[in-house]
Amino acid sequence: MQSLEARKIVVASHNEGKLREFADLMGPFGFEAKSAKEYGLPEPDETGTTFEENAYIKAFAAAKATGLPALSDDSGLCIDALDGAPGVYTANWADTPDGKRDFAMAMQRAEVAMQEVGATEPDKRSGRFVAVICLAFPDGDAEYYRGEVEGTLVWPPRGELGFGYDPVFLPHGYAKTFGEMTAAEKHGWKPGQKDALSHRARAFQKFAAARLGSS
């Protein structure tokens, strides 16, 4: 296992929402965490067909370019009624012809697809957010940490917090969607706390336990 003693790490993402979440999660550990965007790195093409493959593509590209360990995640929404779609193509469902991303459109697309297969009752609208964190080093060595959170897809969207599909995802056991939760509520975890809430926080909790000596 390679060392992180230098306490410097690249967060291999250009997604502002993810960068905010990683900043919140990394904060307690005293790391100098700069983003790939801050280093002026281009976004690599995500050509993988699994969360692990895409996370590695991003992390290794940043590690190789900077000579530092890099942390990335690939995440998505997997809807049972749609056979796991959009899955690794979660962000692509928001792509617009002008090269931007419209997640209101993406949520509508998911809702239309569920309606078309008759997924109208709550017991037919189950799904999960999945996040895979990859820690990659300049020599190509890599480690993976996976987090999942189960929930129900609601309609219409609720809340304007978070990002992506958060307003339509109601985690099991909660009355608020991710879009109605503050960052602290959504992350649901700090060092020493037993359980994380969000998929990214759960993956990060596993990373922290393995790498940062926190449980």
Protein backbone atom coordinates (compact mmCIF):
# COMPACT_ATOMS: atom_id res chain seq x y z
CA MET A 1 0.00 0.00 0.00
CA GLN A 2 1.52 3.29 -1.11
CA SER A 3 1.83 6.18 1.31
CA LEU A 4 -0.22 9.37 1.58
CA GLU A 5 2.16 10.92 4.09
CA ALA A 6 2.77 14.01 1.94
CA ARG A 7 -0.86 14.98 2.69
CA LYS A 8 -1.29 16.27 -0.85
CA ILE A 9 -3.93 14.85 -3.16
CA VAL A 10 -5.61 15.78 -6.42
CA VAL A 11 -9.38 15.59 -6.60
CA ALA A 12 -9.83 14.43 -10.17
CA SER A 13 -13.08 16.17 -11.03
CA HIS A 14 -14.35 19.29 -12.78
CA ASN A 15 -17.86 18.86 -11.34
CA GLU A 16 -18.49 21.74 -8.93
CA GLY A 17 -21.05 19.79 -6.90
CA LYS A 18 -18.68 16.87 -6.39
CA LEU A 19 -15.80 19.22 -5.57
CA ARG A 20 -17.87 20.85 -2.82
CA GLU A 21 -18.75 17.45 -1.36
CA PHE A 22 -15.15 16.24 -1.46
CA ALA A 23 -13.99 19.48 0.16
CA ASP A 24 -16.46 18.89 3.00
CA LEU A 25 -15.34 15.27 3.40
CA MET A 26 -11.58 15.92 3.18
CA GLY A 27 -11.65 18.94 5.48
CA PRO A 28 -11.26 17.13 8.82
CA PHE A 29 -8.13 15.27 7.67
CA GLY A 30 -5.78 18.16 6.98
CA PHE A 31 -5.09 17.35 3.33
CA GLU A 32 -4.07 19.87 0.71
CA ALA A 33 -6.68 18.87 -1.85
CA LYS A 34 -6.63 20.71 -5.16
CA SER A 35 -8.88 19.84 -8.06
CA ALA A 36 -7.90 18.73 -11.54
CA LYS A 37 -9.52 21.95 -12.72
CA GLU A 38 -7.18 24.00 -10.53
CA TYR A 39 -4.22 22.21 -12.11
CA GLY A 40 -5.57 23.09 -15.55
CA LEU A 41 -6.03 19.45 -16.51
CA PRO A 42 -8.44 18.47 -19.29
CA GLU A 43 -11.35 16.15 -18.57
CA PRO A 44 -10.53 12.67 -19.92
CA ASP A 45 -13.10 10.79 -21.95
CA GLU A 46 -15.01 8.41 -19.70
CA THR A 47 -15.08 5.35 -21.95
CA GLY A 48 -15.58 2.70 -19.26
CA THR A 49 -18.69 0.60 -18.87
CA THR A 50 -18.48 0.34 -15.06
CA PHE A 51 -18.19 2.89 -12.28
CA GLU A 52 -14.78 1.42 -11.39
CA GLU A 53 -13.42 1.84 -14.91
CA ASN A 54 -14.52 5.45 -15.23
CA ALA A 55 -13.26 6.36 -11.76
CA TYR A 56 -9.86 4.92 -12.65
CA ILE A 57 -9.67 6.78 -15.97
CA LYS A 58 -10.13 10.11 -14.18
CA ALA A 59 -7.92 9.39 -11.18
CA PHE A 60 -5.00 7.92 -13.10
CA ALA A 61 -5.02 10.74 -15.67
CA ALA A 62 -4.72 13.30 -12.86
CA ALA A 63 -2.09 11.30 -10.96
CA LYS A 64 0.04 10.81 -14.06
CA ALA A 65 -0.18 14.49 -15.01
CA THR A 66 0.66 15.88 -11.56
CA GLY A 67 2.89 13.19 -10.04
CA LEU A 68 0.60 13.15 -6.98
CA PRO A 69 -1.96 10.65 -5.68
CA ALA A 70 -5.37 11.41 -7.11
CA LEU A 71 -8.84 10.69 -5.82
CA SER A 72 -11.85 10.50 -8.09
CA ASP A 73 -15.28 9.04 -8.06
CA ASP A 74 -17.72 7.84 -10.63
CA SER A 75 -21.28 7.78 -9.51
CA GLY A 76 -24.76 7.37 -10.82
CA LEU A 77 -28.39 6.57 -10.28
CA CYS A 78 -29.53 2.99 -10.92
CA ILE A 79 -33.30 2.58 -11.26
CA ASP A 80 -34.60 -0.96 -10.84
CA ALA A 81 -37.60 -0.52 -13.16
CA LEU A 82 -35.19 0.59 -15.91
CA ASP A 83 -32.87 -2.40 -15.48
CA GLY A 84 -30.29 -0.24 -13.70
CA ALA A 85 -30.36 2.70 -16.10
CA PRO A 86 -29.12 5.37 -16.32
CA GLY A 87 -26.22 3.87 -14.29
CA VAL A 88 -22.82 4.87 -15.67
CA TYR A 89 -24.64 7.11 -18.15
CA THR A 90 -26.38 9.15 -15.44
CA ALA A 91 -24.68 12.41 -16.40
CA ASN A 92 -25.07 11.70 -20.13
CA TRP A 93 -28.85 11.69 -19.75
CA ALA A 94 -28.51 15.40 -18.96
CA ASP A 95 -26.50 16.24 -22.10
CA THR A 96 -28.00 18.92 -24.35
CA PRO A 97 -27.27 19.63 -28.04
CA ASP A 98 -25.27 22.75 -27.12
CA GLY A 99 -22.82 20.73 -25.01
CA LYS A 100 -24.25 21.68 -21.62
CA ARG A 101 -26.07 19.58 -19.03
CA ASP A 102 -29.66 20.03 -17.94
CA PHE A 103 -30.54 17.85 -14.97
CA ALA A 104 -34.15 19.03 -14.89
CA MET A 105 -34.41 17.50 -18.34
CA ALA A 106 -32.60 14.36 -17.15
CA MET A 107 -34.99 13.90 -14.23
CA GLN A 108 -37.93 14.34 -16.61
CA ARG A 109 -36.40 11.75 -18.95
CA ALA A 110 -36.09 9.26 -16.10
CA GLU A 111 -39.68 9.91 -15.02
CA VAL A 112 -41.03 9.42 -18.53
CA ALA A 113 -39.10 6.16 -18.85
CA MET A 114 -40.53 4.89 -15.54
CA GLN A 115 -44.05 5.88 -16.54
CA GLU A 116 -43.64 4.00 -19.83
CA VAL A 117 -42.86 0.75 -17.98
CA GLY A 118 -45.69 1.25 -15.47
CA ALA A 119 -43.50 2.20 -12.51
CA THR A 120 -46.04 4.52 -10.93
CA GLU A 121 -46.44 3.15 -7.39
CA PRO A 122 -43.69 3.63 -4.77
CA ASP A 123 -42.94 -0.10 -4.52
CA LYS A 124 -42.07 -0.10 -8.23
CA ARG A 125 -39.88 3.00 -8.08
CA SER A 126 -36.90 1.70 -6.12
CA GLY A 127 -33.34 2.55 -6.99
CA ARG A 128 -29.98 3.44 -5.58
CA PHE A 129 -27.22 5.96 -5.89
CA VAL A 130 -23.82 4.30 -6.36
CA ALA A 131 -20.42 5.92 -5.93
CA VAL A 132 -17.04 4.30 -6.51
CA ILE A 133 -14.01 6.21 -5.25
CA CYS A 134 -10.70 5.41 -6.89
CA LEU A 135 -7.37 6.34 -5.34
CA ALA A 136 -4.74 6.19 -8.07
CA PHE A 137 -0.99 6.76 -8.05
CA PRO A 138 1.32 7.96 -10.84
CA ASP A 139 2.63 4.42 -11.41
CA GLY A 140 -0.89 3.16 -12.16
CA ASP A 141 -1.55 1.43 -8.84
CA ALA A 142 -5.14 1.93 -7.70
CA GLU A 143 -7.61 1.17 -4.90
CA TYR A 144 -11.41 1.23 -4.98
CA TYR A 145 -14.05 2.04 -2.37
CA ARG A 146 -17.77 1.58 -3.17
CA GLY A 147 -20.77 3.15 -1.47
CA GLU A 148 -24.48 2.71 -2.17
CA VAL A 149 -27.67 4.17 -0.75
CA GLU A 150 -31.12 2.71 -1.42
CA GLY A 151 -34.18 4.83 -1.98
CA THR A 152 -37.35 5.60 -3.90
CA LEU A 153 -37.73 7.86 -6.94
CA VAL A 154 -40.33 10.56 -6.30
CA TRP A 155 -42.15 12.93 -8.62
CA PRO A 156 -42.37 15.87 -8.88
CA PRO A 157 -38.83 16.89 -7.84
CA ARG A 158 -38.52 18.23 -4.31
CA GLY A 159 -35.91 20.71 -3.12
CA GLU A 160 -33.27 22.92 -4.69
CA LEU A 161 -30.21 21.80 -2.72
CA GLY A 162 -27.61 19.28 -3.80
CA PHE A 163 -27.13 18.67 -7.51
CA GLY A 164 -27.94 16.26 -10.30
CA TYR A 165 -30.88 13.95 -9.58
CA ASP A 166 -30.96 14.76 -5.84
CA PRO A 167 -34.48 16.30 -5.93
CA VAL A 168 -36.11 13.02 -7.05
CA PHE A 169 -34.23 10.66 -4.70
CA LEU A 170 -35.80 9.87 -1.34
CA PRO A 171 -33.42 7.70 0.72
CA HIS A 172 -35.05 4.90 2.69
CA GLY A 173 -35.96 5.93 6.22
CA TYR A 174 -36.01 9.68 5.51
CA ALA A 175 -38.78 12.19 4.84
CA LYS A 176 -36.56 14.51 2.79
CA THR A 177 -35.12 14.00 -0.68
CA PHE A 178 -31.41 14.65 -1.18
CA GLY A 179 -32.52 17.88 -2.85
CA GLU A 180 -34.13 19.02 0.40
CA MET A 181 -31.14 18.17 2.61
CA THR A 182 -28.31 20.44 3.63
CA ALA A 183 -24.78 19.29 2.86
CA ALA A 184 -24.37 18.17 6.48
CA GLU A 185 -27.61 16.17 6.37
CA LYS A 186 -26.77 14.53 3.06
CA HIS A 187 -23.20 13.58 3.93
CA GLY A 188 -24.47 12.25 7.25
CA TRP A 189 -21.00 11.37 8.49
CA LYS A 190 -18.00 12.79 10.30
CA PRO A 191 -14.96 10.98 11.70
CA GLY A 192 -16.06 8.90 14.65
CA GLN A 193 -19.68 8.72 13.52
CA LYS A 194 -20.91 5.21 12.73
CA ASP A 195 -22.93 5.53 9.55
CA ALA A 196 -22.70 7.72 6.48
CA LEU A 197 -25.83 8.63 4.51
CA SER A 198 -25.01 9.54 0.92
CA HIS A 199 -23.39 7.10 -1.49
CA ARG A 200 -20.33 9.32 -1.83
CA ALA A 201 -19.99 9.72 1.93
CA ARG A 202 -20.30 5.95 2.40
CA ALA A 203 -17.56 5.33 -0.16
CA PHE A 204 -15.42 8.02 1.44
CA GLN A 205 -15.98 6.51 4.89
CA LYS A 206 -14.49 3.25 3.62
CA PHE A 207 -11.57 5.15 2.08
CA ALA A 208 -11.01 7.05 5.33
CA ALA A 209 -11.09 3.86 7.40
CA ALA A 210 -8.56 2.17 5.12
CA ARG A 211 -6.31 5.13 4.45
CA LEU A 212 -6.78 7.83 7.06
CA GLY A 213 -7.21 5.80 10.21
CA SER A 214 -10.79 6.91 10.74
CA SER A 215 -13.85 4.71 11.29
